Amino acid sequence: MRSLSVLAAAVVLLLAVTGCATGDDAVVQGGANQIVAPGGKTVITYDPADRKPIGDVSGPNLLGDGTVNLDSYKGEVVVVNVWASWCPPCRKEAPELEKVYQRVKDQGAAVVGINFRDNRGSAQDFARDRGLTYPSIYDYGGQTLSALGVPVGAVPTTVVLDRELRPVIVYLKAVSEQEIYDEVQRVLAEDVDPR
């Protein structure tokens, strides 16, 4: 039993130090303890001509009955945040995203979470304790993440989708309210069909 406690503590420490990495394609950069994608990027952008539609991103509603389906947001700019209750950066980031949601929900934009590899009860407590009002998909196994079609090498990861549900920018790091708000405003200002 003591060995299991030591092992659990080591795993928690490793996750805290690495920023909650979840994939082999994420690495720790230098001594900065920041997760980066191949090529050293923590932010990946897509030009309008290079954007590809996401797959079927849907799953059980974390806090309620039914399903959350990103197809229902077509025509809106959508911020998708991959998070987990066990992820230290997510604890700071979640309230920031709630502030963004409150600022943009009446402007043709939305925030949707994807809860990944988490105990459902812990994830529900996390969302309620932080007053999150935007919906989250419960995606323990990662099927929803694979449908996004973008690199998800760490938790948290945030993706901003244009009105056609195509990735515009991917953040493989924790984000701030102002950073995401500014990006949403930029995407809202794009032509509806930028091709």
C-alpha atoms as a PDB file:
ATOM      1  CA  MET A   1       0.000   0.000   0.000  1.00  0.00           C
ATOM      2  CA  ARG A   2       2.866   2.362   0.817  1.00  0.00           C
ATOM      3  CA  SER A   3       4.395   1.695  -2.629  1.00  0.00           C
ATOM      4  CA  LEU A   4       1.140   2.691  -4.300  1.00  0.00           C
ATOM      5  CA  SER A   5       1.049   5.933  -2.294  1.00  0.00           C
ATOM      6  CA  VAL A   6       4.625   6.767  -3.301  1.00  0.00           C
ATOM      7  CA  LEU A   7       3.885   5.949  -6.952  1.00  0.00           C
ATOM      8  CA  ALA A   8       0.717   8.093  -6.917  1.00  0.00           C
ATOM      9  CA  ALA A   9       2.634  11.009  -5.400  1.00  0.00           C
ATOM     10  CA  ALA A  10       5.340  10.683  -8.063  1.00  0.00           C
ATOM     11  CA  VAL A  11       2.765  10.736 -10.859  1.00  0.00           C
ATOM     12  CA  VAL A  12       1.067  13.843  -9.410  1.00  0.00           C
ATOM     13  CA  LEU A  13       4.435  15.602  -9.099  1.00  0.00           C
ATOM     14  CA  LEU A  14       5.393  14.675 -12.675  1.00  0.00           C
ATOM     15  CA  LEU A  15       2.092  16.023 -14.019  1.00  0.00           C
ATOM     16  CA  ALA A  16       2.469  19.254 -12.080  1.00  0.00           C
ATOM     17  CA  VAL A  17       6.036  19.783 -13.312  1.00  0.00           C
ATOM     18  CA  THR A  18       5.252  19.027 -16.956  1.00  0.00           C
ATOM     19  CA  GLY A  19       2.028  21.034 -17.171  1.00  0.00           C
ATOM     20  CA  CYS A  20      -0.181  17.954 -17.418  1.00  0.00           C
ATOM     21  CA  ALA A  21       1.246  16.354 -20.566  1.00  0.00           C
ATOM     22  CA  THR A  22      -0.892  13.670 -22.134  1.00  0.00           C
ATOM     23  CA  GLY A  23       0.914  12.687 -25.311  1.00  0.00           C
ATOM     24  CA  ASP A  24       4.308  11.561 -26.543  1.00  0.00           C
ATOM     25  CA  ASP A  25       4.433  14.493 -28.976  1.00  0.00           C
ATOM     26  CA  ALA A  26       4.583  16.985 -26.107  1.00  0.00           C
ATOM     27  CA  VAL A  27       7.947  17.738 -24.519  1.00  0.00           C
ATOM     28  CA  VAL A  28       9.218  19.953 -21.726  1.00  0.00           C
ATOM     29  CA  GLN A  29      11.134  22.907 -23.130  1.00  0.00           C
ATOM     30  CA  GLY A  30      14.435  23.622 -21.431  1.00  0.00           C
ATOM     31  CA  GLY A  31      14.065  24.444 -17.777  1.00  0.00           C
ATOM     32  CA  ALA A  32      10.852  26.374 -18.342  1.00  0.00           C
ATOM     33  CA  ASN A  33       8.540  23.415 -17.609  1.00  0.00           C
ATOM     34  CA  GLN A  34       6.328  24.399 -20.530  1.00  0.00           C
ATOM     35  CA  ILE A  35       4.767  21.842 -22.850  1.00  0.00           C
ATOM     36  CA  VAL A  36       5.530  22.365 -26.518  1.00  0.00           C
ATOM     37  CA  ALA A  37       4.553  20.617 -29.723  1.00  0.00           C
ATOM     38  CA  PRO A  38       7.087  19.301 -32.209  1.00  0.00           C
ATOM     39  CA  GLY A  39       9.106  22.191 -33.569  1.00  0.00           C
ATOM     40  CA  GLY A  40       8.923  24.019 -30.252  1.00  0.00           C
ATOM     41  CA  LYS A  41       5.484  25.577 -30.758  1.00  0.00           C
ATOM     42  CA  THR A  42       2.968  26.210 -27.983  1.00  0.00           C
ATOM     43  CA  VAL A  43       0.664  28.125 -30.344  1.00  0.00           C
ATOM     44  CA  ILE A  44      -0.274  26.769 -33.781  1.00  0.00           C
ATOM     45  CA  THR A  45      -2.185  28.954 -36.248  1.00  0.00           C
ATOM     46  CA  TYR A  46      -4.024  28.013 -39.432  1.00  0.00           C
ATOM     47  CA  ASP A  47      -4.438  30.381 -42.385  1.00  0.00           C
ATOM     48  CA  PRO A  48      -8.001  30.505 -43.756  1.00  0.00           C
ATOM     49  CA  ALA A  49      -7.024  28.589 -46.906  1.00  0.00           C
ATOM     50  CA  ASP A  50      -5.450  25.792 -44.817  1.00  0.00           C
ATOM     51  CA  ARG A  51      -8.321  25.278 -42.378  1.00  0.00           C
ATOM     52  CA  LYS A  52     -10.079  21.907 -42.463  1.00  0.00           C
ATOM     53  CA  PRO A  53     -13.443  21.161 -40.823  1.00  0.00           C
ATOM     54  CA  ILE A  54     -13.369  19.145 -37.611  1.00  0.00           C
ATOM     55  CA  GLY A  55     -14.973  15.714 -37.372  1.00  0.00           C
ATOM     56  CA  ASP A  56     -17.963  14.734 -35.263  1.00  0.00           C
ATOM     57  CA  VAL A  57     -17.128  16.314 -31.924  1.00  0.00           C
ATOM     58  CA  SER A  58     -19.898  15.257 -29.594  1.00  0.00           C
ATOM     59  CA  GLY A  59     -20.336  13.381 -26.370  1.00  0.00           C
ATOM     60  CA  PRO A  60     -22.197  13.120 -23.091  1.00  0.00           C
ATOM     61  CA  ASN A  61     -22.951  16.390 -21.309  1.00  0.00           C
ATOM     62  CA  LEU A  62     -20.752  16.432 -18.183  1.00  0.00           C
ATOM     63  CA  LEU A  63     -23.283  18.291 -16.032  1.00  0.00           C
ATOM     64  CA  GLY A  64     -26.568  17.102 -17.424  1.00  0.00           C
ATOM     65  CA  ASP A  65     -28.497  14.755 -19.599  1.00  0.00           C
ATOM     66  CA  GLY A  66     -28.108  14.489 -23.322  1.00  0.00           C
ATOM     67  CA  THR A  67     -25.257  15.222 -25.651  1.00  0.00           C
ATOM     68  CA  VAL A  68     -23.116  18.244 -26.420  1.00  0.00           C
ATOM     69  CA  ASN A  69     -22.504  18.400 -30.181  1.00  0.00           C
ATOM     70  CA  LEU A  70     -20.304  21.050 -31.785  1.00  0.00           C
ATOM     71  CA  ASP A  71     -22.346  20.833 -35.004  1.00  0.00           C
ATOM     72  CA  SER A  72     -25.062  22.738 -33.161  1.00  0.00           C
ATOM     73  CA  TYR A  73     -22.652  25.705 -32.899  1.00  0.00           C
ATOM     74  CA  LYS A  74     -22.073  26.055 -36.651  1.00  0.00           C
ATOM     75  CA  GLY A  75     -22.251  29.747 -37.523  1.00  0.00           C
ATOM     76  CA  GLU A  76     -20.629  30.745 -34.215  1.00  0.00           C
ATOM     77  CA  VAL A  77     -16.997  31.163 -33.221  1.00  0.00           C
ATOM     78  CA  VAL A  78     -16.298  28.386 -30.704  1.00  0.00           C
ATOM     79  CA  VAL A  79     -13.580  28.147 -28.058  1.00  0.00           C
ATOM     80  CA  VAL A  80     -12.945  24.477 -27.239  1.00  0.00           C
ATOM     81  CA  ASN A  81     -10.990  23.845 -24.046  1.00  0.00           C
ATOM     82  CA  VAL A  82      -9.563  20.432 -23.142  1.00  0.00           C
ATOM     83  CA  TRP A  83      -9.317  20.188 -19.357  1.00  0.00           C
ATOM     84  CA  ALA A  84      -9.214  17.859 -16.362  1.00  0.00           C
ATOM     85  CA  SER A  85      -9.825  18.340 -12.650  1.00  0.00           C
ATOM     86  CA  TRP A  86      -6.403  16.806 -11.885  1.00  0.00           C
ATOM     87  CA  CYS A  87      -4.587  19.415 -13.999  1.00  0.00           C
ATOM     88  CA  PRO A  88      -3.127  22.314 -11.940  1.00  0.00           C
ATOM     89  CA  PRO A  89      -3.059  24.871 -14.824  1.00  0.00           C
ATOM     90  CA  CYS A  90      -6.729  24.080 -15.542  1.00  0.00           C
ATOM     91  CA  ARG A  91      -7.681  25.313 -12.064  1.00  0.00           C
ATOM     92  CA  LYS A  92      -6.483  28.804 -12.921  1.00  0.00           C
ATOM     93  CA  GLU A  93      -7.622  28.730 -16.535  1.00  0.00           C
ATOM     94  CA  ALA A  94     -11.246  27.589 -16.030  1.00  0.00           C
ATOM     95  CA  PRO A  95     -12.450  30.831 -14.363  1.00  0.00           C
ATOM     96  CA  GLU A  96     -10.689  32.811 -17.126  1.00  0.00           C
ATOM     97  CA  LEU A  97     -12.642  30.875 -19.763  1.00  0.00           C
ATOM     98  CA  GLU A  98     -15.894  31.430 -17.874  1.00  0.00           C
ATOM     99  CA  LYS A  99     -15.205  35.178 -18.036  1.00  0.00           C
ATOM    100  CA  VAL A 100     -14.624  34.894 -21.791  1.00  0.00           C
ATOM    101  CA  TYR A 101     -17.882  32.968 -22.165  1.00  0.00           C
ATOM    102  CA  GLN A 102     -19.828  35.647 -20.296  1.00  0.00           C
ATOM    103  CA  ARG A 103     -18.281  38.356 -22.508  1.00  0.00           C
ATOM    104  CA  VAL A 104     -18.879  36.644 -25.882  1.00  0.00           C
ATOM    105  CA  LYS A 105     -22.007  34.498 -25.543  1.00  0.00           C
ATOM    106  CA  ASP A 106     -24.222  37.270 -26.934  1.00  0.00           C
ATOM    107  CA  GLN A 107     -21.806  38.114 -29.775  1.00  0.00           C
ATOM    108  CA  GLY A 108     -22.109  34.898 -31.797  1.00  0.00           C
ATOM    109  CA  ALA A 109     -19.439  32.965 -29.906  1.00  0.00           C
ATOM    110  CA  ALA A 110     -19.397  30.113 -27.410  1.00  0.00           C
ATOM    111  CA  VAL A 111     -17.117  28.151 -25.097  1.00  0.00           C
ATOM    112  CA  VAL A 112     -17.309  24.357 -24.875  1.00  0.00           C
ATOM    113  CA  GLY A 113     -15.139  22.183 -22.646  1.00  0.00           C
ATOM    114  CA  ILE A 114     -13.905  18.664 -23.248  1.00  0.00           C
ATOM    115  CA  ASN A 115     -13.172  16.900 -19.968  1.00  0.00           C
ATOM    116  CA  PHE A 116     -10.451  14.315 -20.619  1.00  0.00           C
ATOM    117  CA  ARG A 117      -9.260  11.262 -18.633  1.00  0.00           C
ATOM    118  CA  ASP A 118     -11.045  12.320 -15.488  1.00  0.00           C
ATOM    119  CA  ASN A 119     -13.300  10.862 -12.840  1.00  0.00           C
ATOM    120  CA  ARG A 120     -16.767  12.125 -13.751  1.00  0.00           C
ATOM    121  CA  GLY A 121     -17.680  13.054 -10.165  1.00  0.00           C
ATOM    122  CA  SER A 122     -14.424  14.979  -9.674  1.00  0.00           C
ATOM    123  CA  ALA A 123     -14.934  16.768 -12.993  1.00  0.00           C
ATOM    124  CA  GLN A 124     -18.510  17.717 -12.059  1.00  0.00           C
ATOM    125  CA  ASP A 125     -17.333  19.064  -8.682  1.00  0.00           C
ATOM    126  CA  PHE A 126     -14.558  21.024 -10.438  1.00  0.00           C
ATOM    127  CA  ALA A 127     -17.038  22.661 -12.837  1.00  0.00           C
ATOM    128  CA  ARG A 128     -19.596  23.454 -10.138  1.00  0.00           C
ATOM    129  CA  ASP A 129     -17.006  24.772  -7.653  1.00  0.00           C
ATOM    130  CA  ARG A 130     -15.724  27.207 -10.292  1.00  0.00           C
ATOM    131  CA  GLY A 131     -19.194  28.270 -11.424  1.00  0.00           C
ATOM    132  CA  LEU A 132     -18.672  27.107 -15.016  1.00  0.00           C
ATOM    133  CA  THR A 133     -21.839  27.713 -17.021  1.00  0.00           C
ATOM    134  CA  TYR A 134     -20.559  26.683 -20.443  1.00  0.00           C
ATOM    135  CA  PRO A 135     -21.133  23.033 -21.391  1.00  0.00           C
ATOM    136  CA  SER A 136     -18.479  20.337 -21.293  1.00  0.00           C
ATOM    137  CA  ILE A 137     -18.296  16.981 -23.036  1.00  0.00           C
ATOM    138  CA  TYR A 138     -17.269  14.100 -20.789  1.00  0.00           C
ATOM    139  CA  ASP A 139     -14.586  12.305 -22.839  1.00  0.00           C
ATOM    140  CA  TYR A 140     -12.645   9.936 -20.631  1.00  0.00           C
ATOM    141  CA  GLY A 141     -11.258   7.850 -23.485  1.00  0.00           C
ATOM    142  CA  GLY A 142     -10.379  10.644 -25.928  1.00  0.00           C
ATOM    143  CA  GLN A 143     -12.691   9.764 -28.844  1.00  0.00           C
ATOM    144  CA  THR A 144     -13.899  13.368 -29.012  1.00  0.00           C
ATOM    145  CA  LEU A 145     -10.355  14.708 -29.016  1.00  0.00           C
ATOM    146  CA  SER A 146      -9.371  12.642 -32.025  1.00  0.00           C
ATOM    147  CA  ALA A 147     -12.299  14.145 -33.990  1.00  0.00           C
ATOM    148  CA  LEU A 148     -10.908  17.664 -33.456  1.00  0.00           C
ATOM    149  CA  GLY A 149      -8.133  16.874 -35.923  1.00  0.00           C
ATOM    150  CA  VAL A 150      -5.540  19.112 -34.226  1.00  0.00           C
ATOM    151  CA  PRO A 151      -2.535  18.365 -32.015  1.00  0.00           C
ATOM    152  CA  VAL A 152      -3.593  17.810 -28.424  1.00  0.00           C
ATOM    153  CA  GLY A 153      -0.321  17.059 -26.668  1.00  0.00           C
ATOM    154  CA  ALA A 154      -1.160  18.501 -23.266  1.00  0.00           C
ATOM    155  CA  VAL A 155      -3.976  19.331 -20.908  1.00  0.00           C
ATOM    156  CA  PRO A 156      -4.962  22.122 -21.007  1.00  0.00           C
ATOM    157  CA  THR A 157      -5.277  22.686 -24.747  1.00  0.00           C
ATOM    158  CA  THR A 158      -7.526  25.369 -26.210  1.00  0.00           C
ATOM    159  CA  VAL A 159      -8.710  25.535 -29.827  1.00  0.00           C
ATOM    160  CA  VAL A 160     -10.561  28.449 -31.414  1.00  0.00           C
ATOM    161  CA  LEU A 161     -12.856  27.404 -34.272  1.00  0.00           C
ATOM    162  CA  ASP A 162     -14.224  29.728 -36.941  1.00  0.00           C
ATOM    163  CA  ARG A 163     -17.898  29.894 -37.905  1.00  0.00           C
ATOM    164  CA  GLU A 164     -17.456  26.877 -40.183  1.00  0.00           C
ATOM    165  CA  LEU A 165     -16.035  24.886 -37.242  1.00  0.00           C
ATOM    166  CA  ARG A 166     -12.509  24.888 -38.623  1.00  0.00           C
ATOM    167  CA  PRO A 167      -9.498  25.328 -36.302  1.00  0.00           C
ATOM    168  CA  VAL A 168      -8.030  28.826 -36.418  1.00  0.00           C
ATOM    169  CA  ILE A 169      -5.542  28.569 -33.552  1.00  0.00           C
ATOM    170  CA  VAL A 170      -4.447  25.917 -31.056  1.00  0.00           C
ATOM    171  CA  TYR A 171      -2.909  26.780 -27.685  1.00  0.00           C
ATOM    172  CA  LEU A 172      -0.867  23.951 -26.150  1.00  0.00           C
ATOM    173  CA  LYS A 173      -0.615  25.897 -22.905  1.00  0.00           C
ATOM    174  CA  ALA A 174      -2.791  27.600 -20.343  1.00  0.00           C
ATOM    175  CA  VAL A 175      -4.502  30.716 -21.682  1.00  0.00           C
ATOM    176  CA  SER A 176      -5.679  33.978 -20.177  1.00  0.00           C
ATOM    177  CA  GLU A 177      -9.040  35.667 -20.480  1.00  0.00           C
ATOM    178  CA  GLN A 178      -7.689  38.557 -22.541  1.00  0.00           C
ATOM    179  CA  GLU A 179      -5.684  36.314 -24.874  1.00  0.00           C
ATOM    180  CA  ILE A 180      -8.739  34.232 -25.786  1.00  0.00           C
ATOM    181  CA  TYR A 181     -11.134  37.183 -25.852  1.00  0.00           C
ATOM    182  CA  ASP A 182      -8.876  39.038 -28.312  1.00  0.00           C
ATOM    183  CA  GLU A 183      -8.633  35.966 -30.552  1.00  0.00           C
ATOM    184  CA  VAL A 184     -12.409  35.468 -30.524  1.00  0.00           C
ATOM    185  CA  GLN A 185     -12.899  39.116 -31.519  1.00  0.00           C
ATOM    186  CA  ARG A 186     -10.405  38.699 -34.366  1.00  0.00           C
ATOM    187  CA  VAL A 187     -12.201  35.598 -35.676  1.00  0.00           C
ATOM    188  CA  LEU A 188     -15.627  37.230 -35.277  1.00  0.00           C
ATOM    189  CA  ALA A 189     -14.356  40.053 -37.531  1.00  0.00           C
ATOM    190  CA  GLU A 190     -13.419  37.595 -40.318  1.00  0.00           C
ATOM    191  CA  ASP A 191     -15.661  37.250 -43.354  1.00  0.00           C
ATOM    192  CA  VAL A 192     -18.181  34.447 -42.919  1.00  0.00           C
ATOM    193  CA  ASP A 193     -16.607  32.596 -45.874  1.00  0.00           C
ATOM    194  CA  PRO A 194     -12.928  33.651 -45.993  1.00  0.00           C
ATOM    195  CA  ARG A 195     -12.112  31.419 -49.013  1.00  0.00           C
END
